[in-house]
Amino acid sequence: MNLEYSAEENAFREEVRGFLAEKLPARTAEKVRLGKRLTKQDMEAWHAALNARGWLAPNWPRQWGGAEWTAVQNHIFDEESWAANAPRVIPFGVTMLGPVLIRFGSEAQRRHYLPRILNGTDWWCQGYSEPGAGSDLASLKTRAERRGDRYVVNGQKTWTTLGHYADWIFCLVRTSTEGKPQEGISFLLIDMKSPGVSVRPIILIDGEHEVNEVFFDNVEVPVDNLVGEENKGWTYAKYLLTHERTGTANIGNSAAALAQLKAIAARTMKGGRPLACDPFFAARLARVEIDLEAMKITNLRMLVEADAGAAPGPESSMLKIKGTVIRQEINDLARRALGPLALPFVSEALDEGYNEAPIGPDYANAIASDYFNNRKLSIFAGSNEIQRGIIAKTKLGF
């Protein structure tokens, strides 16, 4: 694999920088830089700008409105977007459901749902985890019973990110109790406005409402909303999770956070010298930077293989583990570097227009929030312990 960027790739980087300079609203970038809350309208506006350029779904086929970027183009865009303080693309429709529909959905489903994902008509959330089925997803109990041309769904999902904004939810449901647990699961698309769907907020340790519980009480779902075959949902779920786990490597995000950490360490004084000069702190900083650089190469290698037609495999589990560990280490170092300024934040300070006297410098605003929020990274998309088990079975033969 050639680690030097080609002339075409460098030109693409300049194109991305030009697009970000022209289309990324300064107000939105400032909110991201200072850790302020983004509204749904902020995120919708950014999605619309990307879609107008044809860049919202970089890995979709052009036939369905995607950009068909190479692995290197994806990597470049990710780096430049985080460096410019652009909002993340909400992944549930574009990164997770879209590839599943393109590969396993019916022609009618692709024609109906894919354009609506791109133009923002439908916002999606993910219905996988349940109170008794998180990392052990095959033990899920949400039930869908076939009654004529309808499924009747009863059960509960939890940790449903941005479910309070979503129009639709893609759900794993149990349609059979025969055979192995994985063999009785189906993949359903459910309208969140359906009678019997209710959403209850979960407030996380950082004080934010990001995730929810979703309840289904005799919810009727047309059979046409079944993706692929009945009882084959486990196959589609695994395919989706490989894309999600690759995304949780979050290399661009970690690179931007590392740059912020270095700036904090250069400003913070210890014993009359910048903290960056402290041998113990500098060693931890160097170690996490080395790990991040190594993960960049691993990520690019895997994406290049995907470009050549290989399906993401256990390598995505490796990226998920290492990516989350690196991000948490950066959060911890930033918290330690700030000292008292990393005390739990004033929640209102994260709202745009907050005019009270700041507790500390603006770059300290979201450090505590990020630290607490990102403790969950090693759990979602399948806990790191589960990912290690996948690697042991598929690569080490245990």
Protein backbone atom coordinates (compact mmCIF):
# COMPACT_ATOMS: atom_id res chain seq x y z
CA MET A 1 0.00 0.00 0.00
CA ASN A 2 1.44 3.39 -1.05
CA LEU A 3 1.39 5.81 1.88
CA GLU A 4 2.13 8.87 -0.26
CA TYR A 5 -0.83 10.90 -1.49
CA SER A 6 -1.11 11.14 -5.27
CA ALA A 7 -1.55 14.42 -7.13
CA GLU A 8 -5.23 13.59 -7.60
CA GLU A 9 -5.67 12.94 -3.88
CA ASN A 10 -3.95 16.17 -2.94
CA ALA A 11 -6.20 17.98 -5.39
CA PHE A 12 -9.21 16.34 -3.76
CA ARG A 13 -8.01 17.57 -0.35
CA GLU A 14 -7.91 21.11 -1.70
CA GLU A 15 -11.40 20.65 -3.15
CA VAL A 16 -12.68 19.53 0.26
CA ARG A 17 -11.03 22.49 1.98
CA GLY A 18 -12.60 24.85 -0.52
CA PHE A 19 -16.03 23.31 0.00
CA LEU A 20 -15.74 23.55 3.79
CA ALA A 21 -14.58 27.16 3.62
CA GLU A 22 -17.52 28.07 1.37
CA LYS A 23 -20.39 25.94 2.68
CA LEU A 24 -19.75 25.29 6.37
CA PRO A 25 -21.58 28.03 8.30
CA ALA A 26 -19.18 29.91 10.57
CA ARG A 27 -21.80 29.86 13.35
CA THR A 28 -22.05 26.07 13.17
CA ALA A 29 -18.28 25.59 13.11
CA GLU A 30 -17.94 27.83 16.16
CA LYS A 31 -20.55 25.82 18.04
CA VAL A 32 -18.65 22.62 17.26
CA ARG A 33 -15.31 24.17 18.27
CA LEU A 34 -16.65 25.36 21.61
CA GLY A 35 -18.60 22.19 22.33
CA LYS A 36 -21.98 23.94 22.14
CA ARG A 37 -25.15 21.95 21.53
CA LEU A 38 -26.15 21.50 17.91
CA THR A 39 -29.84 21.62 17.10
CA LYS A 40 -31.57 19.27 14.70
CA GLN A 41 -31.81 22.24 12.32
CA ASP A 42 -28.02 22.67 12.43
CA MET A 43 -27.51 19.04 11.50
CA GLU A 44 -30.19 19.08 8.80
CA ALA A 45 -28.64 22.17 7.20
CA TRP A 46 -25.22 20.52 7.07
CA HIS A 47 -26.66 17.31 5.61
CA ALA A 48 -28.42 19.39 2.96
CA ALA A 49 -25.19 21.18 2.00
CA LEU A 50 -23.38 17.85 1.65
CA ASN A 51 -26.22 16.31 -0.33
CA ALA A 52 -26.32 19.27 -2.73
CA ARG A 53 -22.66 18.58 -3.49
CA GLY A 54 -23.30 14.83 -3.80
CA TRP A 55 -21.12 14.10 -0.76
CA LEU A 56 -23.61 13.04 1.93
CA ALA A 57 -23.32 9.32 1.10
CA PRO A 58 -19.70 8.91 0.04
CA ASN A 59 -19.79 5.11 -0.09
CA TRP A 60 -23.11 4.61 -1.85
CA PRO A 61 -23.21 3.80 -5.57
CA ARG A 62 -23.78 6.82 -7.82
CA GLN A 63 -26.92 5.09 -9.04
CA TRP A 64 -28.47 5.86 -5.66
CA GLY A 65 -27.02 9.32 -5.16
CA GLY A 66 -23.70 8.35 -3.61
CA ALA A 67 -20.21 9.59 -4.40
CA GLU A 68 -18.41 6.23 -4.70
CA TRP A 69 -15.33 7.67 -3.01
CA THR A 70 -12.19 5.65 -2.58
CA ALA A 71 -10.91 4.77 0.87
CA VAL A 72 -8.33 7.55 0.69
CA GLN A 73 -10.95 10.12 -0.29
CA ASN A 74 -13.06 9.09 2.71
CA HIS A 75 -10.02 9.42 4.94
CA ILE A 76 -9.15 12.86 3.57
CA PHE A 77 -12.70 14.16 3.95
CA ASP A 78 -12.89 12.85 7.50
CA GLU A 79 -9.62 14.56 8.45
CA GLU A 80 -10.51 17.88 6.86
CA SER A 81 -14.06 17.93 8.23
CA TRP A 82 -12.97 17.48 11.83
CA ALA A 83 -10.12 19.95 11.39
CA ALA A 84 -12.64 22.54 10.12
CA ASN A 85 -15.02 21.84 13.04
CA ALA A 86 -17.77 20.50 10.79
CA PRO A 87 -20.61 18.55 12.44
CA ARG A 88 -20.55 14.79 12.11
CA VAL A 89 -22.94 13.20 9.64
CA ILE A 90 -25.66 11.41 11.62
CA PRO A 91 -24.90 7.81 10.67
CA PHE A 92 -28.14 5.89 11.11
CA GLY A 93 -29.64 6.47 7.68
CA VAL A 94 -26.55 7.13 5.59
CA THR A 95 -23.92 4.83 7.06
CA MET A 96 -25.98 2.02 8.59
CA LEU A 97 -29.38 1.51 6.96
CA GLY A 98 -28.45 2.73 3.47
CA PRO A 99 -25.83 0.00 2.79
CA VAL A 100 -28.20 -2.67 4.14
CA LEU A 101 -31.01 -1.58 1.80
CA ILE A 102 -28.64 -1.32 -1.15
CA ARG A 103 -27.43 -4.87 -0.62
CA PHE A 104 -30.44 -6.68 0.87
CA GLY A 105 -33.50 -4.47 0.37
CA SER A 106 -36.13 -4.79 -2.34
CA GLU A 107 -36.10 -2.54 -5.36
CA ALA A 108 -39.21 -0.78 -4.03
CA GLN A 109 -37.52 -0.18 -0.66
CA ARG A 110 -34.40 1.24 -2.30
CA ARG A 111 -36.40 3.54 -4.55
CA HIS A 112 -38.56 4.79 -1.69
CA TYR A 113 -36.21 5.12 1.27
CA LEU A 114 -32.79 5.97 -0.16
CA PRO A 115 -33.77 9.33 -1.71
CA ARG A 116 -35.60 10.26 1.50
CA ILE A 117 -32.47 9.56 3.55
CA LEU A 118 -30.46 11.86 1.31
CA ASN A 119 -32.93 14.74 1.13
CA GLY A 120 -33.65 14.69 4.86
CA THR A 121 -37.31 13.67 4.59
CA ASP A 122 -36.68 10.73 6.92
CA TRP A 123 -34.44 10.72 9.97
CA TRP A 124 -33.62 7.24 11.22
CA CYS A 125 -32.63 5.69 14.53
CA GLN A 126 -31.42 2.21 15.40
CA GLY A 127 -33.47 -0.36 17.31
CA TYR A 128 -31.00 -3.06 18.32
CA SER A 129 -30.21 -3.06 22.08
CA GLU A 130 -32.77 -4.07 24.69
CA PRO A 131 -32.62 -3.99 28.51
CA GLY A 132 -31.63 -7.68 28.51
CA ALA A 133 -29.95 -7.81 25.11
CA GLY A 134 -27.08 -5.42 24.52
CA SER A 135 -23.79 -7.05 23.61
CA ASP A 136 -25.64 -10.39 23.62
CA LEU A 137 -27.94 -9.14 20.89
CA ALA A 138 -29.17 -12.60 19.88
CA SER A 139 -31.14 -12.76 23.15
CA LEU A 140 -33.47 -9.94 22.11
CA LYS A 141 -37.14 -10.39 22.99
CA THR A 142 -39.03 -7.72 21.03
CA ARG A 143 -41.59 -9.82 19.21
CA ALA A 144 -43.16 -9.38 15.76
CA GLU A 145 -46.11 -11.69 15.01
CA ARG A 146 -47.33 -12.05 11.44
CA ARG A 147 -51.05 -11.38 11.06
CA GLY A 148 -52.02 -11.33 7.41
CA ASP A 149 -50.27 -8.46 5.66
CA ARG A 150 -49.06 -6.98 8.97
CA TYR A 151 -46.62 -7.65 11.74
CA VAL A 152 -47.73 -6.77 15.26
CA VAL A 153 -44.72 -5.65 17.30
CA ASN A 154 -44.43 -5.69 21.10
CA GLY A 155 -41.34 -5.02 23.17
CA GLN A 156 -38.74 -2.43 24.09
CA LYS A 157 -35.49 -1.01 22.73
CA THR A 158 -33.00 1.02 24.72
CA TRP A 159 -30.00 3.34 24.19
CA THR A 160 -31.75 4.59 21.06
CA THR A 161 -29.54 7.49 20.01
CA LEU A 162 -31.46 10.57 18.76
CA GLY A 163 -34.68 8.56 18.80
CA HIS A 164 -36.52 11.69 19.97
CA TYR A 165 -35.72 13.27 16.57
CA ALA A 166 -36.30 10.21 14.38
CA ASP A 167 -39.12 9.65 11.90
CA TRP A 168 -38.32 5.94 11.46
CA ILE A 169 -36.50 3.19 13.30
CA PHE A 170 -34.86 0.10 11.80
CA CYS A 171 -35.45 -2.72 14.26
CA LEU A 172 -34.32 -6.22 14.99
CA VAL A 173 -37.36 -8.25 16.10
CA ARG A 174 -37.97 -11.89 16.95
CA THR A 175 -40.20 -13.64 14.44
CA SER A 176 -39.42 -17.24 15.45
CA THR A 177 -38.32 -19.12 18.58
CA GLU A 178 -37.24 -22.26 16.72
CA GLY A 179 -33.60 -23.21 16.26
CA LYS A 180 -30.69 -21.07 17.36
CA PRO A 181 -31.57 -17.60 18.71
CA GLN A 182 -29.86 -15.93 15.75
CA GLU A 183 -32.08 -17.82 13.29
CA GLY A 184 -35.36 -16.28 14.44
CA ILE A 185 -34.56 -12.59 14.02
CA SER A 186 -35.94 -10.29 11.31
CA PHE A 187 -35.11 -6.74 10.20
CA LEU A 188 -38.13 -4.38 10.19
CA LEU A 189 -38.59 -0.73 9.24
CA ILE A 190 -41.04 0.96 11.62
CA ASP A 191 -42.65 4.39 11.37
CA MET A 192 -42.08 6.19 14.70
CA LYS A 193 -45.48 7.86 14.31
CA SER A 194 -47.28 4.51 14.37
CA PRO A 195 -49.88 4.09 17.14
CA GLY A 196 -48.31 2.24 20.05
CA VAL A 197 -44.78 3.66 19.69
CA SER A 198 -43.62 5.72 22.65
CA VAL A 199 -40.25 7.29 23.46
CA ARG A 200 -38.86 8.01 26.92
CA PRO A 201 -35.61 9.96 27.40
CA ILE A 202 -32.52 8.60 29.16
CA ILE A 203 -30.28 11.29 30.65
CA LEU A 204 -26.64 10.27 30.41
CA ILE A 205 -23.88 10.78 32.98
CA ASP A 206 -22.85 14.00 31.19
CA GLY A 207 -26.34 15.41 31.79
CA GLU A 208 -27.38 15.28 28.13
CA HIS A 209 -30.48 13.80 26.47
CA GLU A 210 -28.89 11.85 23.64
CA VAL A 211 -30.42 8.40 24.01
CA ASN A 212 -33.87 7.01 24.73
CA GLU A 213 -36.01 4.01 25.50
CA VAL A 214 -38.51 3.10 22.78
CA PHE A 215 -41.60 1.01 23.57
CA PHE A 216 -43.79 -0.93 21.11
CA ASP A 217 -47.34 -1.76 22.22
CA ASN A 218 -49.22 -3.71 19.53
CA VAL A 219 -47.58 -1.64 16.79
CA GLU A 220 -48.77 -2.65 13.32
CA VAL A 221 -46.11 -2.74 10.61
CA PRO A 222 -46.79 -3.60 6.94
CA VAL A 223 -45.13 -6.81 5.77
CA ASP A 224 -43.62 -4.74 2.94
CA ASN A 225 -41.40 -3.12 5.61
CA LEU A 226 -39.53 -6.38 6.12
CA VAL A 227 -35.99 -6.10 4.75
CA GLY A 228 -34.84 -9.23 2.95
CA GLU A 229 -36.20 -12.55 4.22
CA GLU A 230 -38.00 -13.32 7.44
CA ASN A 231 -35.69 -14.83 10.09
CA LYS A 232 -32.58 -13.71 8.19
CA GLY A 233 -32.15 -10.43 10.05
CA TRP A 234 -29.06 -11.60 11.93
CA THR A 235 -27.13 -11.66 8.65
CA TYR A 236 -28.19 -8.10 7.85
CA ALA A 237 -27.46 -6.97 11.40
CA LYS A 238 -23.89 -8.28 11.26
CA TYR A 239 -23.36 -6.55 7.93
CA LEU A 240 -24.61 -3.27 9.39
CA LEU A 241 -22.50 -3.60 12.53
CA THR A 242 -19.28 -3.99 10.57
CA HIS A 243 -19.96 -0.56 9.04
CA GLU A 244 -20.87 0.90 12.44
CA ARG A 245 -17.77 -0.52 14.12
CA THR A 246 -15.52 0.85 11.41
CA GLY A 247 -17.10 4.26 11.99
CA THR A 248 -16.49 4.09 15.73
CA ALA A 249 -12.75 4.23 15.03
CA ASN A 250 -13.48 7.97 14.65
CA ILE A 251 -10.00 8.77 13.41
CA GLY A 252 -10.74 12.30 12.27
CA ASN A 253 -12.44 13.10 15.56
CA SER A 254 -9.51 11.71 17.55
CA ALA A 255 -7.02 13.63 15.41
CA ALA A 256 -8.88 16.88 16.06
CA ALA A 257 -9.13 16.09 19.78
CA LEU A 258 -5.41 15.33 19.87
CA ALA A 259 -4.62 18.70 18.30
CA GLN A 260 -6.80 20.37 20.95
CA LEU A 261 -5.06 18.38 23.68
CA LYS A 262 -1.64 19.51 22.47
CA ALA A 263 -2.81 23.13 22.50
CA ILE A 264 -4.10 22.73 26.07
CA ALA A 265 -0.83 21.11 27.20
CA ALA A 266 1.13 23.98 25.66
CA ARG A 267 -0.96 26.59 27.50
CA THR A 268 -1.16 24.87 30.87
CA MET A 269 1.75 25.55 33.21
CA LYS A 270 3.24 23.11 35.72
CA GLY A 271 6.23 24.04 37.82
CA GLY A 272 6.85 27.09 35.67
CA ARG A 273 6.94 25.11 32.42
CA PRO A 274 4.24 24.04 29.96
CA LEU A 275 2.61 20.74 30.86
CA ALA A 276 3.75 19.40 27.50
CA CYS A 277 7.31 19.45 28.90
CA ASP A 278 6.43 17.24 31.86
CA PRO A 279 8.08 13.84 31.11
CA PHE A 280 5.21 11.71 32.42
CA PHE A 281 2.52 13.68 30.59
CA ALA A 282 4.63 13.94 27.42
CA ALA A 283 5.14 10.17 27.42
CA ARG A 284 1.40 9.51 27.62
CA LEU A 285 0.78 12.08 24.91
CA ALA A 286 3.40 10.51 22.64
CA ARG A 287 2.02 7.02 23.23
CA VAL A 288 -1.52 7.96 22.24
CA GLU A 289 -0.28 9.82 19.16
CA ILE A 290 1.73 6.79 18.03
CA ASP A 291 -1.32 4.55 18.54
CA LEU A 292 -3.48 6.95 16.52
CA GLU A 293 -1.01 7.02 13.62
CA ALA A 294 -0.87 3.21 13.59
CA MET A 295 -4.66 3.01 13.60
CA LYS A 296 -4.86 5.41 10.64
CA ILE A 297 -2.83 2.98 8.57
CA THR A 298 -4.90 -0.01 9.70
CA ASN A 299 -8.10 1.83 8.86
CA LEU A 300 -6.86 2.83 5.42
CA ARG A 301 -5.69 -0.72 4.70
CA MET A 302 -9.09 -2.12 5.59
CA LEU A 303 -10.95 0.47 3.55
CA VAL A 304 -8.73 -0.18 0.53
CA GLU A 305 -9.60 -3.87 0.81
CA ALA A 306 -13.28 -2.91 0.99
CA ASP A 307 -12.84 -0.85 -2.19
CA ALA A 308 -11.55 -4.01 -3.85
CA GLY A 309 -14.75 -5.83 -2.92
CA ALA A 310 -13.88 -7.41 0.42
CA ALA A 311 -16.57 -7.26 3.09
CA PRO A 312 -15.51 -5.73 6.40
CA GLY A 313 -14.58 -8.54 8.76
CA PRO A 314 -13.08 -8.87 12.25
CA GLU A 315 -10.74 -6.02 11.37
CA SER A 316 -13.66 -3.71 12.07
CA SER A 317 -13.72 -5.10 15.61
CA MET A 318 -10.03 -4.26 15.95
CA LEU A 319 -10.68 -0.71 14.83
CA LYS A 320 -13.63 -0.40 17.17
CA ILE A 321 -11.57 -1.49 20.18
CA LYS A 322 -8.50 0.58 19.45
CA GLY A 323 -10.43 3.62 18.27
CA THR A 324 -12.50 3.84 21.43
CA VAL A 325 -9.52 3.25 23.72
CA ILE A 326 -7.56 6.03 21.98
CA ARG A 327 -10.46 8.47 22.14
CA GLN A 328 -10.98 7.82 25.85
CA GLU A 329 -7.28 8.26 26.55
CA ILE A 330 -7.30 11.64 24.79
CA ASN A 331 -10.35 12.66 26.84
CA ASP A 332 -8.62 11.60 30.05
CA LEU A 333 -5.43 13.49 29.23
CA ALA A 334 -7.40 16.64 28.39
CA ARG A 335 -9.28 16.37 31.67
CA ARG A 336 -6.03 15.95 33.60
CA ALA A 337 -4.37 18.81 31.74
CA LEU A 338 -7.14 21.25 32.60
CA GLY A 339 -7.23 20.35 36.28
CA PRO A 340 -9.90 22.39 38.13
CA LEU A 341 -11.18 23.83 34.83
CA ALA A 342 -12.39 20.31 33.94
CA LEU A 343 -14.88 20.31 36.80
CA PRO A 344 -18.42 19.31 35.76
CA PHE A 345 -19.75 21.99 33.47
CA VAL A 346 -22.72 24.32 33.77
CA SER A 347 -25.25 22.68 31.45
CA GLU A 348 -26.65 26.00 30.21
CA ALA A 349 -23.16 27.03 29.08
CA LEU A 350 -23.48 24.60 26.18
CA ASP A 351 -26.48 26.46 24.75
CA GLU A 352 -25.87 29.05 22.07
CA GLY A 353 -26.27 32.56 23.43
CA TYR A 354 -25.27 31.76 27.02
CA ASN A 355 -24.08 35.11 28.35
CA GLU A 356 -22.96 34.40 31.90
CA ALA A 357 -19.34 34.87 32.87
CA PRO A 358 -17.38 31.80 31.71
CA ILE A 359 -15.90 29.46 34.29
CA GLY A 360 -12.69 29.21 32.32
CA PRO A 361 -11.31 29.56 28.80
CA ASP A 362 -13.63 28.69 25.93
CA TYR A 363 -11.59 25.64 24.95
CA ALA A 364 -12.42 24.09 28.35
CA ASN A 365 -16.19 24.30 27.79
CA ALA A 366 -16.91 20.73 26.73
CA ILE A 367 -13.97 18.79 28.17
CA ALA A 368 -15.92 17.40 31.15
CA SER A 369 -18.96 16.65 28.95
CA ASP A 370 -16.82 14.85 26.36
CA TYR A 371 -15.02 12.85 29.04
CA PHE A 372 -18.24 11.59 30.60
CA ASN A 373 -20.10 11.06 27.32
CA ASN A 374 -17.28 9.10 25.72
CA ARG A 375 -17.12 6.57 28.54
CA LYS A 376 -19.83 4.79 26.57
CA LEU A 377 -17.67 4.36 23.46
CA SER A 378 -16.21 1.08 24.67
CA ILE A 379 -19.73 -0.32 25.15
CA PHE A 380 -21.85 0.66 22.16
CA ALA A 381 -21.75 -1.09 18.78
CA GLY A 382 -20.91 -4.23 20.77
CA SER A 383 -18.74 -3.89 23.86
CA ASN A 384 -14.97 -4.12 23.51
CA GLU A 385 -15.07 -7.41 25.44
CA ILE A 386 -17.41 -8.88 22.83
CA GLN A 387 -15.16 -7.57 20.04
CA ARG A 388 -12.17 -9.31 21.59
CA GLY A 389 -14.17 -12.54 21.58
CA ILE A 390 -14.95 -12.08 17.87
CA ILE A 391 -11.28 -11.56 17.09
CA ALA A 392 -10.29 -14.62 19.16
CA LYS A 393 -12.76 -16.85 17.33
CA THR A 394 -12.23 -15.61 13.79
CA LYS A 395 -8.51 -14.84 13.77
CA LEU A 396 -6.96 -16.91 16.56
CA GLY A 397 -9.19 -19.99 16.29
CA PHE A 398 -10.16 -20.05 19.96
